[in-house]
Amino acid sequence: MASFATAVKFDDDSFTVVLRDGRELRVPLSWFPVLAAATPAQRAKVRISKSGAGLHWDDIDEDISVAGLLEGRGDLTTRQANSIT
């Protein structure tokens, strides 16, 4: 069964994705360096995709999939860049 986001909440060191089925998924900001470096105002400008499957921040050009969060995946950009060298 697919899970879809309905809301996103932030505190100083994590964010919580509220899922349509009532679950809440708390994620450390450290998993996403771009999001961690953003200001609280930038983080608050999250846009949930129409399907609820993705989160996007225009101001900081960050995209996060709900499926990836449920699988325990953080930002893959750094790992992919390091594996190329």
C-alpha atoms as a PDB file:
ATOM      1  CA  MET A   1       0.000   0.000   0.000  1.00  0.00           C
ATOM      2  CA  ALA A   2       1.393   3.389  -0.969  1.00  0.00           C
ATOM      3  CA  SER A   3       1.723   6.111   1.653  1.00  0.00           C
ATOM      4  CA  PHE A   4       1.189   9.743   0.823  1.00  0.00           C
ATOM      5  CA  ALA A   5       2.122  12.940   2.651  1.00  0.00           C
ATOM      6  CA  THR A   6      -0.541  15.366   3.813  1.00  0.00           C
ATOM      7  CA  ALA A   7       1.605  17.733   5.910  1.00  0.00           C
ATOM      8  CA  VAL A   8       5.195  18.479   6.916  1.00  0.00           C
ATOM      9  CA  LYS A   9       6.252  19.921  10.298  1.00  0.00           C
ATOM     10  CA  PHE A  10       9.707  21.066  11.438  1.00  0.00           C
ATOM     11  CA  ASP A  11      11.593  21.468  14.683  1.00  0.00           C
ATOM     12  CA  ASP A  12      15.233  22.477  15.182  1.00  0.00           C
ATOM     13  CA  ASP A  13      16.821  19.174  14.134  1.00  0.00           C
ATOM     14  CA  SER A  14      14.176  17.101  12.355  1.00  0.00           C
ATOM     15  CA  PHE A  15      11.068  17.168  10.231  1.00  0.00           C
ATOM     16  CA  THR A  16       7.907  15.123  10.486  1.00  0.00           C
ATOM     17  CA  VAL A  17       5.925  13.956   7.493  1.00  0.00           C
ATOM     18  CA  VAL A  18       2.280  13.304   8.285  1.00  0.00           C
ATOM     19  CA  LEU A  19       0.943  10.478   6.125  1.00  0.00           C
ATOM     20  CA  ARG A  20      -2.592  10.087   4.814  1.00  0.00           C
ATOM     21  CA  ASP A  21      -3.054   6.898   6.850  1.00  0.00           C
ATOM     22  CA  GLY A  22      -2.340   8.784  10.100  1.00  0.00           C
ATOM     23  CA  ARG A  23       1.260   7.718  10.632  1.00  0.00           C
ATOM     24  CA  GLU A  24       3.923  10.328  11.281  1.00  0.00           C
ATOM     25  CA  LEU A  25       7.458   9.822  10.038  1.00  0.00           C
ATOM     26  CA  ARG A  26      10.154  11.793  11.886  1.00  0.00           C
ATOM     27  CA  VAL A  27      13.347  12.341   9.886  1.00  0.00           C
ATOM     28  CA  PRO A  28      16.623  13.922  11.055  1.00  0.00           C
ATOM     29  CA  LEU A  29      17.545  17.051   9.080  1.00  0.00           C
ATOM     30  CA  SER A  30      21.111  15.706   9.005  1.00  0.00           C
ATOM     31  CA  TRP A  31      19.944  13.160   6.407  1.00  0.00           C
ATOM     32  CA  PHE A  32      19.421  16.055   3.990  1.00  0.00           C
ATOM     33  CA  PRO A  33      22.302  18.590   4.148  1.00  0.00           C
ATOM     34  CA  VAL A  34      20.618  21.101   1.809  1.00  0.00           C
ATOM     35  CA  LEU A  35      17.495  21.108   3.948  1.00  0.00           C
ATOM     36  CA  ALA A  36      19.562  21.287   7.151  1.00  0.00           C
ATOM     37  CA  ALA A  37      21.419  24.357   5.824  1.00  0.00           C
ATOM     38  CA  ALA A  38      18.197  26.120   4.811  1.00  0.00           C
ATOM     39  CA  THR A  39      16.602  28.775   6.963  1.00  0.00           C
ATOM     40  CA  PRO A  40      13.399  27.958   8.850  1.00  0.00           C
ATOM     41  CA  ALA A  41      11.531  30.251   6.429  1.00  0.00           C
ATOM     42  CA  GLN A  42      12.895  28.312   3.441  1.00  0.00           C
ATOM     43  CA  ARG A  43      11.999  24.963   5.023  1.00  0.00           C
ATOM     44  CA  ALA A  44       8.459  26.177   5.682  1.00  0.00           C
ATOM     45  CA  LYS A  45       7.915  26.711   1.949  1.00  0.00           C
ATOM     46  CA  VAL A  46       7.589  22.980   1.296  1.00  0.00           C
ATOM     47  CA  ARG A  47       5.216  21.940  -1.453  1.00  0.00           C
ATOM     48  CA  ILE A  48       3.619  18.488  -1.333  1.00  0.00           C
ATOM     49  CA  SER A  49       3.030  17.020  -4.789  1.00  0.00           C
ATOM     50  CA  LYS A  50      -0.578  16.532  -5.900  1.00  0.00           C
ATOM     51  CA  SER A  51      -0.167  12.781  -5.505  1.00  0.00           C
ATOM     52  CA  GLY A  52       1.360  13.207  -2.040  1.00  0.00           C
ATOM     53  CA  ALA A  53       4.327  11.074  -3.088  1.00  0.00           C
ATOM     54  CA  GLY A  54       6.926  13.846  -3.050  1.00  0.00           C
ATOM     55  CA  LEU A  55       8.076  16.950  -1.201  1.00  0.00           C
ATOM     56  CA  HIS A  56       9.650  19.915  -3.004  1.00  0.00           C
ATOM     57  CA  TRP A  57      11.268  23.187  -1.976  1.00  0.00           C
ATOM     58  CA  ASP A  58      11.559  25.667  -4.860  1.00  0.00           C
ATOM     59  CA  ASP A  59      13.828  28.116  -3.013  1.00  0.00           C
ATOM     60  CA  ILE A  60      16.511  25.533  -2.271  1.00  0.00           C
ATOM     61  CA  ASP A  61      15.858  23.143  -5.190  1.00  0.00           C
ATOM     62  CA  GLU A  62      15.328  20.112  -2.960  1.00  0.00           C
ATOM     63  CA  ASP A  63      13.140  17.094  -3.738  1.00  0.00           C
ATOM     64  CA  ILE A  64      12.399  14.224  -1.358  1.00  0.00           C
ATOM     65  CA  SER A  65      10.264  11.172  -2.076  1.00  0.00           C
ATOM     66  CA  VAL A  66       7.984   9.775   0.611  1.00  0.00           C
ATOM     67  CA  ALA A  67       8.827   6.244  -0.556  1.00  0.00           C
ATOM     68  CA  GLY A  68      12.534   6.957  -0.013  1.00  0.00           C
ATOM     69  CA  LEU A  69      11.874   8.225   3.497  1.00  0.00           C
ATOM     70  CA  LEU A  70       9.868   5.111   4.318  1.00  0.00           C
ATOM     71  CA  GLU A  71      12.804   3.007   3.099  1.00  0.00           C
ATOM     72  CA  GLY A  72      15.154   4.925   5.402  1.00  0.00           C
ATOM     73  CA  ARG A  73      17.027   6.689   2.603  1.00  0.00           C
ATOM     74  CA  GLY A  74      18.537  10.106   3.155  1.00  0.00           C
ATOM     75  CA  ASP A  75      20.146  12.383   0.575  1.00  0.00           C
ATOM     76  CA  LEU A  76      21.824  10.207  -2.059  1.00  0.00           C
ATOM     77  CA  THR A  77      23.533  13.112  -3.871  1.00  0.00           C
ATOM     78  CA  THR A  78      26.692  13.069  -1.731  1.00  0.00           C
ATOM     79  CA  ARG A  79      27.019   9.295  -1.862  1.00  0.00           C
ATOM     80  CA  GLN A  80      26.500   9.234  -5.644  1.00  0.00           C
ATOM     81  CA  ALA A  81      29.044  12.016  -6.190  1.00  0.00           C
ATOM     82  CA  ASN A  82      31.597  10.194  -4.004  1.00  0.00           C
ATOM     83  CA  SER A  83      31.083   6.873  -5.781  1.00  0.00           C
ATOM     84  CA  ILE A  84      31.888   8.416  -9.183  1.00  0.00           C
ATOM     85  CA  THR A  85      35.466   9.242  -8.206  1.00  0.00           C
END
